[in-house]
C-alpha cells in the first residue's frame, strides 16, 4: 500500500517498469556488439580533458554550450548544474566501486550541490539502483538533473562463456541507462573519469565546487 501511494505521489506506476526494461534492451544490444566485435561501439565525447571525457546527446550538448560550456570540465558542470530549478532534484549516479571512500567522496559532492542550489539531491551507485529509483529517473516527472559518473575498472573479472567481462557489462549498463535518459529528454551529462580513480574523483569534486561558485 505504501509503495502504491509513493508511486502516485511521484507520478509513476509502481507496478510497472518499462523504462528499466528499455535500459536492459540497450545493454543487451551493447554487449551483443561486444561479443561480435570484441569492443563496445565507439562513442565521441562532446568535450575531453586530461581528467575526463564528457558525453551527452546533441540536444543537451547544444543547451549546455549556450549556457557557457566551453573547453574545461568546470564550465560544463556549471552549465549543467545551473539548469536546476525550484522543485527539481540532482542525482549523482556513479558506476564505480561502492566502498567507504567513494561513498564519502560522492556525499561530499552531493552536499555541496544541495547547499548551493537548495534542492533535493541523491548519490547512488550503479547498476544496483536501476531496479528501484532508476524507473523514476527515466519514467517519472522531468524534474531530475543527472550527472552520471563512470570510469575504467582498475581490476576486472571474466564472465564464464562470454567475451564480455564484468567490467564490460557494467559499462554497457551505464551507457544503456544513459541512452534511455537522453532519449526521454532528461537533463543528463556523463563524466567518464580517466586515470587513477581517487585522483579523478578529487578533480571532479574541485570542478563541481568551481561550478557552484
N, C-alpha and C. Protein backbone atom coordinates (compact mmCIF):
# COMPACT_ATOMS: atom_id res chain seq x y z
N UNK A 1 0.83 -1.20 0.00
CA UNK A 1 0.00 0.00 0.00
C UNK A 1 0.86 1.25 0.00
N UNK A 2 1.88 1.26 0.87
CA UNK A 2 2.78 2.41 0.94
C UNK A 2 3.48 2.65 -0.39
N UNK A 3 3.86 1.55 -1.08
CA UNK A 3 4.53 1.67 -2.38
C UNK A 3 3.60 2.30 -3.40
N UNK A 4 2.34 1.90 -3.40
CA UNK A 4 1.37 2.44 -4.34
C UNK A 4 1.17 3.93 -4.11
N UNK A 5 1.07 4.34 -2.85
CA UNK A 5 0.89 5.75 -2.52
C UNK A 5 2.12 6.57 -2.94
N UNK A 6 3.31 6.04 -2.65
CA UNK A 6 4.55 6.74 -3.02
C UNK A 6 4.64 6.89 -4.53
N UNK A 7 4.27 5.83 -5.27
CA UNK A 7 4.30 5.90 -6.72
C UNK A 7 3.35 6.93 -7.26
N UNK A 8 2.17 7.03 -6.65
CA UNK A 8 1.19 8.03 -7.08
C UNK A 8 1.71 9.45 -6.86
N UNK A 9 2.35 9.67 -5.71
CA UNK A 9 2.91 10.99 -5.41
C UNK A 9 4.01 11.35 -6.39
N UNK A 10 4.84 10.35 -6.75
CA UNK A 10 5.96 10.59 -7.67
C UNK A 10 5.53 10.66 -9.12
N UNK A 11 4.30 10.26 -9.39
CA UNK A 11 3.81 10.29 -10.76
C UNK A 11 4.28 9.12 -11.61
N UNK A 12 4.53 7.96 -10.96
CA UNK A 12 4.95 6.78 -11.69
C UNK A 12 4.06 5.60 -11.32
N UNK A 13 4.05 4.59 -12.18
CA UNK A 13 3.31 3.37 -11.92
C UNK A 13 4.22 2.42 -11.16
N UNK A 14 3.98 2.16 -9.87
CA UNK A 14 4.88 1.31 -9.08
C UNK A 14 4.79 -0.16 -9.45
N UNK A 15 3.83 -0.53 -10.31
CA UNK A 15 3.66 -1.93 -10.67
C UNK A 15 4.18 -2.23 -12.08
N UNK A 16 4.90 -1.28 -12.66
CA UNK A 16 5.45 -1.48 -13.99
C UNK A 16 6.76 -0.71 -14.10
N UNK A 17 7.68 -1.20 -14.89
CA UNK A 17 8.96 -0.51 -15.04
C UNK A 17 9.44 -0.60 -16.50
N UNK A 18 8.66 -0.02 -17.42
CA UNK A 18 9.02 -0.13 -18.84
C UNK A 18 10.34 0.52 -19.17
N UNK A 19 10.71 1.57 -18.46
CA UNK A 19 11.95 2.26 -18.78
C UNK A 19 13.16 1.51 -18.25
N UNK A 20 12.99 0.72 -17.20
CA UNK A 20 14.04 -0.19 -16.76
C UNK A 20 14.27 -1.24 -17.84
N UNK A 21 13.20 -1.76 -18.41
CA UNK A 21 13.33 -2.74 -19.48
C UNK A 21 13.99 -2.13 -20.70
N UNK A 22 13.69 -0.87 -20.99
CA UNK A 22 14.31 -0.19 -22.12
C UNK A 22 15.82 -0.11 -21.94
N UNK A 23 16.27 0.15 -20.71
CA UNK A 23 17.70 0.19 -20.43
C UNK A 23 18.32 -1.20 -20.57
N UNK A 24 17.58 -2.23 -20.18
CA UNK A 24 18.08 -3.60 -20.35
C UNK A 24 18.28 -3.93 -21.82
N UNK A 25 17.33 -3.50 -22.65
CA UNK A 25 17.43 -3.76 -24.08
C UNK A 25 18.68 -3.09 -24.66
N UNK A 26 18.91 -1.84 -24.26
CA UNK A 26 20.10 -1.12 -24.71
C UNK A 26 21.37 -1.86 -24.27
N UNK A 27 21.36 -2.34 -23.03
CA UNK A 27 22.53 -3.05 -22.51
C UNK A 27 22.78 -4.32 -23.30
N UNK A 28 21.72 -5.06 -23.60
CA UNK A 28 21.88 -6.29 -24.37
C UNK A 28 22.42 -6.01 -25.76
N UNK A 29 21.97 -4.92 -26.37
CA UNK A 29 22.47 -4.54 -27.70
C UNK A 29 23.97 -4.25 -27.65
N UNK A 30 24.40 -3.54 -26.60
CA UNK A 30 25.80 -3.19 -26.47
C UNK A 30 26.67 -4.41 -26.20
N UNK A 31 26.21 -5.29 -25.30
CA UNK A 31 27.01 -6.49 -25.00
C UNK A 31 27.04 -7.44 -26.20
N UNK A 32 25.94 -7.49 -26.96
CA UNK A 32 25.93 -8.33 -28.17
C UNK A 32 26.94 -7.79 -29.18
N UNK A 33 27.06 -6.48 -29.28
CA UNK A 33 28.06 -5.89 -30.18
C UNK A 33 29.46 -6.24 -29.72
N UNK A 34 29.68 -6.25 -28.40
CA UNK A 34 30.99 -6.63 -27.87
C UNK A 34 31.30 -8.09 -28.18
N UNK A 35 30.32 -8.97 -27.99
CA UNK A 35 30.53 -10.38 -28.26
C UNK A 35 30.89 -10.61 -29.73
N UNK A 36 30.35 -9.77 -30.61
CA UNK A 36 30.59 -9.94 -32.04
C UNK A 36 31.93 -9.37 -32.47
N UNK A 37 32.27 -8.18 -31.94
CA UNK A 37 33.45 -7.47 -32.45
C UNK A 37 34.62 -7.41 -31.46
N UNK A 38 34.35 -7.69 -30.18
CA UNK A 38 35.40 -7.59 -29.18
C UNK A 38 35.56 -6.21 -28.61
N UNK A 39 34.64 -5.30 -28.93
CA UNK A 39 34.70 -3.92 -28.41
C UNK A 39 33.30 -3.35 -28.36
N UNK A 40 33.06 -2.49 -27.40
CA UNK A 40 31.79 -1.76 -27.37
C UNK A 40 31.78 -0.75 -28.51
N UNK A 41 30.61 -0.41 -29.04
CA UNK A 41 30.55 0.58 -30.12
C UNK A 41 31.23 1.88 -29.70
N UNK A 42 31.94 2.49 -30.64
CA UNK A 42 32.67 3.71 -30.33
C UNK A 42 31.71 4.85 -30.02
N UNK A 43 32.16 5.80 -29.25
CA UNK A 43 31.39 6.99 -28.94
C UNK A 43 32.33 8.18 -28.91
N UNK A 44 31.80 9.35 -29.25
CA UNK A 44 32.61 10.55 -29.34
C UNK A 44 32.25 11.50 -28.21
N UNK A 45 33.21 11.89 -27.38
CA UNK A 45 32.90 12.83 -26.29
C UNK A 45 32.58 14.22 -26.83
N UNK A 46 31.72 14.93 -26.12
CA UNK A 46 31.43 16.32 -26.50
C UNK A 46 32.55 17.24 -26.04
N UNK A 47 33.35 16.77 -25.09
CA UNK A 47 34.49 17.52 -24.60
C UNK A 47 35.44 16.56 -23.90
N UNK A 48 36.74 16.79 -24.06
CA UNK A 48 37.72 15.90 -23.47
C UNK A 48 38.83 16.70 -22.80
N UNK A 49 39.20 16.30 -21.59
CA UNK A 49 40.32 16.91 -20.87
C UNK A 49 41.23 15.79 -20.37
N UNK A 50 42.29 16.17 -19.70
CA UNK A 50 43.19 15.17 -19.11
C UNK A 50 42.46 14.35 -18.07
N UNK A 51 41.53 15.01 -17.32
CA UNK A 51 40.86 14.33 -16.21
C UNK A 51 39.68 13.47 -16.64
N UNK A 52 38.97 13.90 -17.71
CA UNK A 52 37.71 13.24 -18.01
C UNK A 52 37.27 13.47 -19.45
N UNK A 53 36.44 12.55 -19.94
CA UNK A 53 35.70 12.73 -21.18
C UNK A 53 34.24 12.96 -20.81
N UNK A 54 33.58 13.88 -21.51
CA UNK A 54 32.18 14.17 -21.25
C UNK A 54 31.33 13.69 -22.42
N UNK A 55 30.17 13.10 -22.08
CA UNK A 55 29.26 12.58 -23.09
C UNK A 55 27.84 13.05 -22.81
N UNK A 56 27.12 13.35 -23.87
CA UNK A 56 25.69 13.58 -23.80
C UNK A 56 25.15 13.59 -25.21
N UNK A 57 23.84 13.75 -25.36
CA UNK A 57 23.26 13.77 -26.69
C UNK A 57 23.37 15.17 -27.29
N UNK A 58 22.98 15.31 -28.56
CA UNK A 58 23.15 16.58 -29.27
C UNK A 58 22.34 17.70 -28.64
N UNK A 59 21.12 17.42 -28.21
CA UNK A 59 20.30 18.48 -27.64
C UNK A 59 20.88 18.99 -26.33
N UNK A 60 21.24 18.07 -25.44
CA UNK A 60 21.85 18.50 -24.18
C UNK A 60 23.14 19.27 -24.44
N UNK A 61 23.96 18.78 -25.37
CA UNK A 61 25.23 19.45 -25.67
C UNK A 61 24.99 20.87 -26.16
N UNK A 62 24.01 21.03 -27.04
CA UNK A 62 23.71 22.37 -27.55
C UNK A 62 23.21 23.29 -26.45
N UNK A 63 22.33 22.76 -25.59
CA UNK A 63 21.81 23.56 -24.47
C UNK A 63 22.96 23.98 -23.53
N UNK A 64 23.87 23.08 -23.28
CA UNK A 64 24.96 23.37 -22.34
C UNK A 64 25.95 24.37 -22.94
N UNK A 65 26.21 24.25 -24.23
CA UNK A 65 27.10 25.22 -24.86
C UNK A 65 26.49 26.62 -24.85
N UNK A 66 25.19 26.69 -25.06
CA UNK A 66 24.52 28.00 -24.99
C UNK A 66 24.60 28.58 -23.58
N UNK A 67 24.67 27.69 -22.59
CA UNK A 67 24.74 28.14 -21.20
C UNK A 67 26.16 28.42 -20.74
N UNK A 68 27.15 28.29 -21.65
CA UNK A 68 28.51 28.66 -21.30
C UNK A 68 29.51 27.53 -21.23
N UNK A 69 29.10 26.29 -21.52
CA UNK A 69 30.04 25.18 -21.51
C UNK A 69 31.10 25.40 -22.59
N UNK A 70 32.36 25.21 -22.21
CA UNK A 70 33.45 25.52 -23.12
C UNK A 70 34.45 24.38 -23.13
N UNK A 71 35.72 24.68 -22.94
CA UNK A 71 36.75 23.68 -23.08
C UNK A 71 37.28 23.11 -21.79
N UNK A 72 36.57 23.27 -20.70
CA UNK A 72 37.04 22.71 -19.42
C UNK A 72 35.88 22.07 -18.67
N UNK A 73 36.23 21.15 -17.80
CA UNK A 73 35.23 20.39 -17.06
C UNK A 73 34.34 21.29 -16.21
N UNK A 74 34.94 22.26 -15.54
CA UNK A 74 34.17 23.14 -14.66
C UNK A 74 33.07 23.90 -15.38
N UNK A 75 33.34 24.38 -16.59
CA UNK A 75 32.33 25.15 -17.31
C UNK A 75 31.15 24.28 -17.73
N UNK A 76 31.42 23.02 -18.08
CA UNK A 76 30.33 22.12 -18.43
C UNK A 76 29.48 21.77 -17.21
N UNK A 77 30.15 21.54 -16.09
CA UNK A 77 29.39 21.25 -14.87
C UNK A 77 28.61 22.46 -14.41
N UNK A 78 29.18 23.63 -14.55
CA UNK A 78 28.47 24.85 -14.17
C UNK A 78 27.22 25.04 -15.02
N UNK A 79 27.36 24.85 -16.32
CA UNK A 79 26.21 24.97 -17.21
C UNK A 79 25.16 23.92 -16.90
N UNK A 80 25.62 22.71 -16.59
CA UNK A 80 24.69 21.61 -16.31
C UNK A 80 23.93 21.83 -15.01
N UNK A 81 24.65 22.13 -13.94
CA UNK A 81 24.00 22.30 -12.65
C UNK A 81 23.16 23.57 -12.58
N UNK A 82 23.46 24.54 -13.42
CA UNK A 82 22.66 25.77 -13.43
C UNK A 82 21.28 25.55 -14.03
N UNK A 83 21.06 24.39 -14.63
CA UNK A 83 19.72 24.08 -15.18
C UNK A 83 18.75 23.61 -14.10
N UNK A 84 19.20 23.57 -12.87
CA UNK A 84 18.35 23.13 -11.76
C UNK A 84 17.39 24.24 -11.36
N UNK A 85 16.10 23.93 -11.34
CA UNK A 85 15.07 24.89 -10.96
C UNK A 85 14.42 24.46 -9.64
N UNK A 86 13.63 25.35 -9.08
CA UNK A 86 12.89 25.02 -7.86
C UNK A 86 12.01 23.79 -8.11
N UNK A 87 12.04 22.86 -7.20
CA UNK A 87 11.25 21.64 -7.35
C UNK A 87 11.99 20.52 -8.05
N UNK A 88 13.17 20.81 -8.59
CA UNK A 88 13.99 19.77 -9.21
C UNK A 88 14.83 19.04 -8.17
N UNK A 89 15.51 18.01 -8.62
CA UNK A 89 16.50 17.32 -7.79
C UNK A 89 17.72 17.03 -8.65
N UNK A 90 18.85 16.83 -7.99
CA UNK A 90 20.09 16.47 -8.68
C UNK A 90 20.50 15.08 -8.23
N UNK A 91 20.78 14.21 -9.20
CA UNK A 91 21.17 12.83 -8.90
C UNK A 91 22.57 12.57 -9.43
N UNK A 92 23.47 12.15 -8.54
CA UNK A 92 24.80 11.70 -8.92
C UNK A 92 24.75 10.18 -9.03
N UNK A 93 24.96 9.67 -10.23
CA UNK A 93 24.79 8.24 -10.50
C UNK A 93 26.15 7.66 -10.88
N UNK A 94 26.79 7.00 -9.94
CA UNK A 94 28.18 6.58 -10.11
C UNK A 94 28.29 5.09 -10.39
N UNK A 95 28.85 4.76 -11.53
CA UNK A 95 29.12 3.36 -11.88
C UNK A 95 30.58 3.06 -11.55
N UNK A 96 30.89 3.16 -10.29
CA UNK A 96 32.23 2.88 -9.78
C UNK A 96 32.09 1.97 -8.56
N UNK A 97 33.21 1.45 -8.07
CA UNK A 97 33.15 0.57 -6.91
C UNK A 97 32.51 1.29 -5.72
N UNK A 98 31.58 0.59 -5.07
CA UNK A 98 30.93 1.15 -3.90
C UNK A 98 31.73 0.77 -2.66
N UNK A 99 32.50 1.71 -2.15
CA UNK A 99 33.25 1.49 -0.92
C UNK A 99 33.18 2.75 -0.06
N UNK A 100 33.73 2.69 1.12
CA UNK A 100 33.59 3.81 2.06
C UNK A 100 34.19 5.10 1.50
N UNK A 101 35.34 5.00 0.86
CA UNK A 101 35.98 6.20 0.33
C UNK A 101 35.16 6.84 -0.78
N UNK A 102 34.62 6.02 -1.67
CA UNK A 102 33.84 6.56 -2.78
C UNK A 102 32.48 7.08 -2.31
N UNK A 103 31.89 6.40 -1.34
CA UNK A 103 30.65 6.91 -0.76
C UNK A 103 30.89 8.29 -0.15
N UNK A 104 31.99 8.43 0.59
CA UNK A 104 32.32 9.71 1.20
C UNK A 104 32.54 10.79 0.16
N UNK A 105 33.25 10.46 -0.93
CA UNK A 105 33.51 11.44 -1.98
C UNK A 105 32.22 11.91 -2.64
N UNK A 106 31.32 10.96 -2.95
CA UNK A 106 30.05 11.34 -3.58
C UNK A 106 29.17 12.14 -2.64
N UNK A 107 29.16 11.78 -1.37
CA UNK A 107 28.34 12.51 -0.41
C UNK A 107 28.85 13.96 -0.26
N UNK A 108 30.15 14.14 -0.30
CA UNK A 108 30.71 15.49 -0.22
C UNK A 108 30.23 16.33 -1.41
N UNK A 109 30.27 15.76 -2.60
CA UNK A 109 29.80 16.47 -3.79
C UNK A 109 28.30 16.74 -3.70
N UNK A 110 27.56 15.72 -3.27
CA UNK A 110 26.10 15.87 -3.18
C UNK A 110 25.73 16.99 -2.24
N UNK A 111 26.34 17.03 -1.08
CA UNK A 111 26.01 18.06 -0.09
C UNK A 111 26.38 19.46 -0.59
N UNK A 112 27.47 19.56 -1.34
CA UNK A 112 27.85 20.86 -1.90
C UNK A 112 26.78 21.36 -2.87
N UNK A 113 26.26 20.46 -3.71
CA UNK A 113 25.19 20.84 -4.64
C UNK A 113 23.92 21.22 -3.89
N UNK A 114 23.58 20.41 -2.90
CA UNK A 114 22.37 20.69 -2.10
C UNK A 114 22.44 22.06 -1.44
N UNK A 115 23.57 22.34 -0.81
CA UNK A 115 23.69 23.58 -0.06
C UNK A 115 23.72 24.80 -0.97
N UNK A 116 24.23 24.64 -2.18
CA UNK A 116 24.30 25.78 -3.10
C UNK A 116 22.98 26.04 -3.80
N UNK A 117 22.31 24.99 -4.27
CA UNK A 117 21.09 25.16 -5.06
C UNK A 117 19.81 24.95 -4.25
N UNK A 118 19.93 24.45 -3.03
CA UNK A 118 18.76 24.26 -2.16
C UNK A 118 17.70 23.37 -2.82
N UNK A 119 18.19 22.25 -3.36
CA UNK A 119 17.29 21.28 -3.97
C UNK A 119 17.58 19.91 -3.38
N UNK A 120 16.65 19.00 -3.57
CA UNK A 120 16.88 17.62 -3.15
C UNK A 120 18.01 17.02 -3.97
N UNK A 121 18.81 16.18 -3.34
CA UNK A 121 19.93 15.52 -4.02
C UNK A 121 20.01 14.07 -3.60
N UNK A 122 20.64 13.27 -4.44
CA UNK A 122 20.92 11.89 -4.07
C UNK A 122 22.21 11.46 -4.74
N UNK A 123 22.86 10.47 -4.16
CA UNK A 123 24.08 9.89 -4.72
C UNK A 123 23.91 8.38 -4.68
N UNK A 124 23.95 7.76 -5.85
CA UNK A 124 23.68 6.33 -5.93
C UNK A 124 24.75 5.62 -6.74
N UNK A 125 24.84 4.32 -6.53
CA UNK A 125 25.83 3.51 -7.23
C UNK A 125 25.13 2.55 -8.18
N UNK A 126 25.57 2.58 -9.43
CA UNK A 126 25.03 1.67 -10.43
C UNK A 126 25.90 0.43 -10.55
N UNK A 127 25.30 -0.63 -11.08
CA UNK A 127 23.93 -0.71 -11.61
C UNK A 127 22.86 -1.05 -10.58
N UNK A 128 23.20 -1.03 -9.30
CA UNK A 128 22.29 -1.52 -8.26
C UNK A 128 21.02 -0.68 -8.15
N UNK A 129 21.06 0.61 -8.48
CA UNK A 129 19.87 1.45 -8.32
C UNK A 129 18.86 1.29 -9.46
N UNK A 130 19.24 0.58 -10.53
CA UNK A 130 18.41 0.56 -11.73
C UNK A 130 17.03 -0.02 -11.49
N UNK A 131 16.91 -0.96 -10.56
CA UNK A 131 15.61 -1.60 -10.33
C UNK A 131 14.81 -0.93 -9.22
N UNK A 132 15.23 0.24 -8.81
CA UNK A 132 14.46 0.97 -7.81
C UNK A 132 14.20 2.38 -8.33
N UNK A 133 15.05 3.31 -7.96
CA UNK A 133 14.85 4.69 -8.41
C UNK A 133 15.12 4.88 -9.89
N UNK A 134 15.78 3.91 -10.53
CA UNK A 134 16.06 4.02 -11.96
C UNK A 134 14.82 4.22 -12.80
N UNK A 135 13.72 3.59 -12.42
CA UNK A 135 12.47 3.78 -13.17
C UNK A 135 11.94 5.21 -13.00
N UNK A 136 12.02 5.74 -11.79
CA UNK A 136 11.54 7.10 -11.56
C UNK A 136 12.36 8.12 -12.36
N UNK A 137 13.67 7.89 -12.45
CA UNK A 137 14.52 8.83 -13.18
C UNK A 137 14.12 8.92 -14.65
N UNK A 138 13.82 7.77 -15.25
CA UNK A 138 13.54 7.75 -16.68
C UNK A 138 12.06 7.88 -17.00
N UNK A 139 11.21 7.37 -16.11
CA UNK A 139 9.79 7.35 -16.41
C UNK A 139 8.94 8.28 -15.58
N UNK A 140 9.54 8.91 -14.57
CA UNK A 140 8.80 9.84 -13.73
C UNK A 140 8.79 11.25 -14.30
N UNK A 141 8.39 12.22 -13.51
CA UNK A 141 8.36 13.62 -13.97
C UNK A 141 9.75 14.09 -14.39
N UNK A 142 9.79 15.02 -15.33
CA UNK A 142 11.06 15.56 -15.82
C UNK A 142 11.57 16.61 -14.84
N UNK A 143 11.96 16.16 -13.65
CA UNK A 143 12.42 17.08 -12.61
C UNK A 143 13.83 16.75 -12.13
N UNK A 144 14.50 15.85 -12.83
CA UNK A 144 15.84 15.45 -12.42
C UNK A 144 16.93 16.05 -13.29
N UNK A 145 18.03 16.39 -12.65
CA UNK A 145 19.25 16.80 -13.35
C UNK A 145 20.29 15.74 -13.00
N UNK A 146 20.76 15.00 -14.00
CA UNK A 146 21.54 13.79 -13.75
C UNK A 146 22.99 13.96 -14.15
N UNK A 147 23.88 13.57 -13.25
CA UNK A 147 25.31 13.52 -13.54
C UNK A 147 25.76 12.08 -13.35
N UNK A 148 25.96 11.40 -14.47
CA UNK A 148 26.44 10.02 -14.41
C UNK A 148 27.96 10.03 -14.38
N UNK A 149 28.53 9.20 -13.51
CA UNK A 149 29.98 9.15 -13.33
C UNK A 149 30.44 7.73 -13.62
N UNK A 150 31.34 7.59 -14.60
CA UNK A 150 31.89 6.29 -14.95
C UNK A 150 33.41 6.36 -14.96
N UNK A 151 34.03 5.19 -15.00
CA UNK A 151 35.48 5.11 -15.10
C UNK A 151 35.85 3.72 -15.60
N UNK A 152 37.07 3.58 -16.08
CA UNK A 152 37.57 2.26 -16.44
C UNK A 152 37.93 1.52 -15.15
N UNK A 153 37.68 0.21 -15.13
CA UNK A 153 37.97 -0.58 -13.94
C UNK A 153 39.45 -0.90 -13.85
N UNK A 154 40.03 -0.65 -12.69
CA UNK A 154 41.44 -1.00 -12.47
C UNK A 154 41.61 -2.51 -12.46
N UNK A 155 40.61 -3.22 -11.96
CA UNK A 155 40.61 -4.68 -11.96
C UNK A 155 39.32 -5.17 -12.58
N UNK A 156 39.39 -6.28 -13.28
CA UNK A 156 38.20 -6.80 -13.95
C UNK A 156 38.18 -8.32 -13.79
N UNK A 157 37.02 -8.89 -14.01
CA UNK A 157 36.86 -10.34 -13.90
C UNK A 157 36.14 -10.86 -15.14
N UNK A 158 36.55 -12.02 -15.64
CA UNK A 158 35.87 -12.59 -16.81
C UNK A 158 34.52 -13.17 -16.42
N UNK A 159 33.64 -13.25 -17.40
CA UNK A 159 32.36 -13.95 -17.25
C UNK A 159 32.48 -15.28 -17.99
N UNK A 160 32.32 -16.40 -17.30
CA UNK A 160 32.48 -17.71 -17.97
C UNK A 160 31.58 -17.83 -19.19
N UNK A 161 32.18 -18.25 -20.31
CA UNK A 161 31.41 -18.48 -21.53
C UNK A 161 31.12 -17.25 -22.34
N UNK A 162 31.65 -16.09 -21.94
CA UNK A 162 31.40 -14.86 -22.68
C UNK A 162 32.71 -14.12 -22.93
N UNK A 163 32.73 -13.36 -24.01
CA UNK A 163 33.85 -12.45 -24.24
C UNK A 163 33.78 -11.27 -23.29
N UNK A 164 32.55 -10.79 -23.05
CA UNK A 164 32.36 -9.61 -22.21
C UNK A 164 32.67 -9.92 -20.75
N UNK A 165 33.50 -9.11 -20.14
CA UNK A 165 33.84 -9.26 -18.72
C UNK A 165 32.78 -8.54 -17.88
N UNK A 166 32.91 -8.67 -16.57
CA UNK A 166 32.00 -7.94 -15.69
C UNK A 166 32.14 -6.43 -15.90
N UNK A 167 33.37 -5.97 -16.12
CA UNK A 167 33.58 -4.54 -16.36
C UNK A 167 32.91 -4.06 -17.62
N UNK A 168 32.96 -4.87 -18.67
CA UNK A 168 32.31 -4.50 -19.93
C UNK A 168 30.79 -4.46 -19.75
N UNK A 169 30.25 -5.43 -19.03
CA UNK A 169 28.80 -5.46 -18.81
C UNK A 169 28.37 -4.24 -17.99
N UNK A 170 29.16 -3.88 -16.98
CA UNK A 170 28.84 -2.69 -16.20
C UNK A 170 28.89 -1.43 -17.07
N UNK A 171 29.90 -1.34 -17.92
CA UNK A 171 30.00 -0.18 -18.83
C UNK A 171 28.80 -0.14 -19.76
N UNK A 172 28.36 -1.30 -20.25
CA UNK A 172 27.20 -1.35 -21.13
C UNK A 172 25.93 -0.95 -20.38
N UNK A 173 25.81 -1.35 -19.12
CA UNK A 173 24.65 -0.94 -18.32
C UNK A 173 24.62 0.57 -18.12
N UNK A 174 25.79 1.16 -17.85
CA UNK A 174 25.85 2.61 -17.68
C UNK A 174 25.45 3.32 -18.96
N UNK A 175 25.99 2.88 -20.08
CA UNK A 175 25.68 3.52 -21.35
C UNK A 175 24.22 3.31 -21.74
N UNK A 176 23.70 2.10 -21.48
CA UNK A 176 22.29 1.85 -21.79
C UNK A 176 21.38 2.71 -20.95
N UNK A 177 21.68 2.83 -19.68
CA UNK A 177 20.90 3.67 -18.78
C UNK A 177 20.95 5.12 -19.24
N UNK A 178 22.14 5.60 -19.59
CA UNK A 178 22.29 6.99 -20.01
C UNK A 178 21.56 7.25 -21.32
N UNK A 179 21.63 6.30 -22.25
CA UNK A 179 20.95 6.48 -23.53
C UNK A 179 19.44 6.64 -23.34
N UNK A 180 18.87 5.86 -22.43
CA UNK A 180 17.42 5.97 -22.20
C UNK A 180 17.09 7.31 -21.54
N UNK A 181 17.94 7.76 -20.62
CA UNK A 181 17.72 9.08 -20.01
C UNK A 181 17.65 10.17 -21.08
N UNK A 182 18.61 10.17 -21.99
CA UNK A 182 18.63 11.22 -23.01
C UNK A 182 17.50 11.05 -24.02
N UNK A 183 17.15 9.81 -24.34
CA UNK A 183 16.01 9.58 -25.23
C UNK A 183 14.71 10.08 -24.62
N UNK A 184 14.62 10.06 -23.30
CA UNK A 184 13.44 10.58 -22.62
C UNK A 184 13.51 12.10 -22.41
N UNK A 185 14.53 12.73 -22.97
CA UNK A 185 14.65 14.18 -22.90
C UNK A 185 15.13 14.70 -21.56
N UNK A 186 15.78 13.85 -20.78
CA UNK A 186 16.24 14.26 -19.45
C UNK A 186 17.50 15.12 -19.55
N UNK A 187 17.69 15.97 -18.57
CA UNK A 187 18.91 16.78 -18.46
C UNK A 187 20.00 15.88 -17.88
N UNK A 188 20.87 15.39 -18.74
CA UNK A 188 21.84 14.38 -18.31
C UNK A 188 23.20 14.64 -18.92
N UNK A 189 24.23 14.45 -18.12
CA UNK A 189 25.61 14.59 -18.54
C UNK A 189 26.40 13.43 -17.94
N UNK A 190 27.24 12.81 -18.75
CA UNK A 190 28.07 11.70 -18.27
C UNK A 190 29.52 12.15 -18.21
N UNK A 191 30.14 11.92 -17.06
CA UNK A 191 31.56 12.22 -16.87
C UNK A 191 32.30 10.90 -16.76
N UNK A 192 33.17 10.62 -17.73
CA UNK A 192 33.99 9.41 -17.67
C UNK A 192 35.37 9.79 -17.17
N UNK A 193 35.68 9.38 -15.95
CA UNK A 193 36.94 9.75 -15.30
C UNK A 193 38.09 8.91 -15.84
N UNK A 194 39.24 9.56 -15.97
CA UNK A 194 40.43 8.89 -16.52
C UNK A 194 41.49 8.69 -15.44
N UNK A 195 42.34 7.69 -15.66
CA UNK A 195 43.48 7.51 -14.78
C UNK A 195 43.09 7.01 -13.39
N UNK A 196 43.90 7.36 -12.42
CA UNK A 196 43.67 6.95 -11.04
C UNK A 196 42.32 7.48 -10.56
N UNK A 197 41.47 6.58 -10.09
CA UNK A 197 40.10 6.96 -9.76
C UNK A 197 40.04 7.92 -8.58
N UNK A 198 40.83 7.68 -7.55
CA UNK A 198 40.79 8.55 -6.38
C UNK A 198 41.21 9.98 -6.76
N UNK A 199 42.26 10.09 -7.56
CA UNK A 199 42.71 11.41 -8.01
C UNK A 199 41.66 12.06 -8.92
N UNK A 200 41.02 11.27 -9.77
CA UNK A 200 40.00 11.80 -10.67
C UNK A 200 38.77 12.27 -9.91
N UNK A 201 38.40 11.55 -8.85
CA UNK A 201 37.26 11.98 -8.03
C UNK A 201 37.56 13.30 -7.34
N UNK A 202 38.80 13.48 -6.91
CA UNK A 202 39.18 14.76 -6.30
C UNK A 202 39.10 15.89 -7.33
N UNK A 203 39.53 15.59 -8.56
CA UNK A 203 39.44 16.59 -9.63
C UNK A 203 37.99 16.92 -9.94
N UNK A 204 37.12 15.91 -9.91
CA UNK A 204 35.69 16.15 -10.14
C UNK A 204 35.10 16.99 -9.02
N UNK A 205 35.47 16.70 -7.79
CA UNK A 205 35.00 17.50 -6.65
C UNK A 205 35.44 18.96 -6.80
N UNK A 206 36.68 19.17 -7.22
CA UNK A 206 37.18 20.54 -7.42
C UNK A 206 36.39 21.23 -8.52
N UNK A 207 36.10 20.53 -9.61
CA UNK A 207 35.34 21.10 -10.72
C UNK A 207 33.92 21.44 -10.31
N UNK A 208 33.31 20.58 -9.49
CA UNK A 208 31.94 20.85 -9.03
C UNK A 208 31.93 22.08 -8.12
N UNK A 209 32.92 22.20 -7.27
CA UNK A 209 32.97 23.38 -6.39
C UNK A 209 33.18 24.66 -7.21
N UNK A 210 33.99 24.57 -8.26
CA UNK A 210 34.12 25.72 -9.16
C UNK A 210 32.77 26.03 -9.81
N UNK A 211 32.07 24.98 -10.24
CA UNK A 211 30.79 25.16 -10.93
C UNK A 211 29.73 25.78 -10.03
N UNK A 212 29.86 25.57 -8.73
CA UNK A 212 28.87 26.08 -7.80
C UNK A 212 29.14 27.51 -7.35
N UNK A 213 30.29 28.06 -7.69
CA UNK A 213 30.62 29.44 -7.30
C UNK A 213 29.92 30.45 -8.21
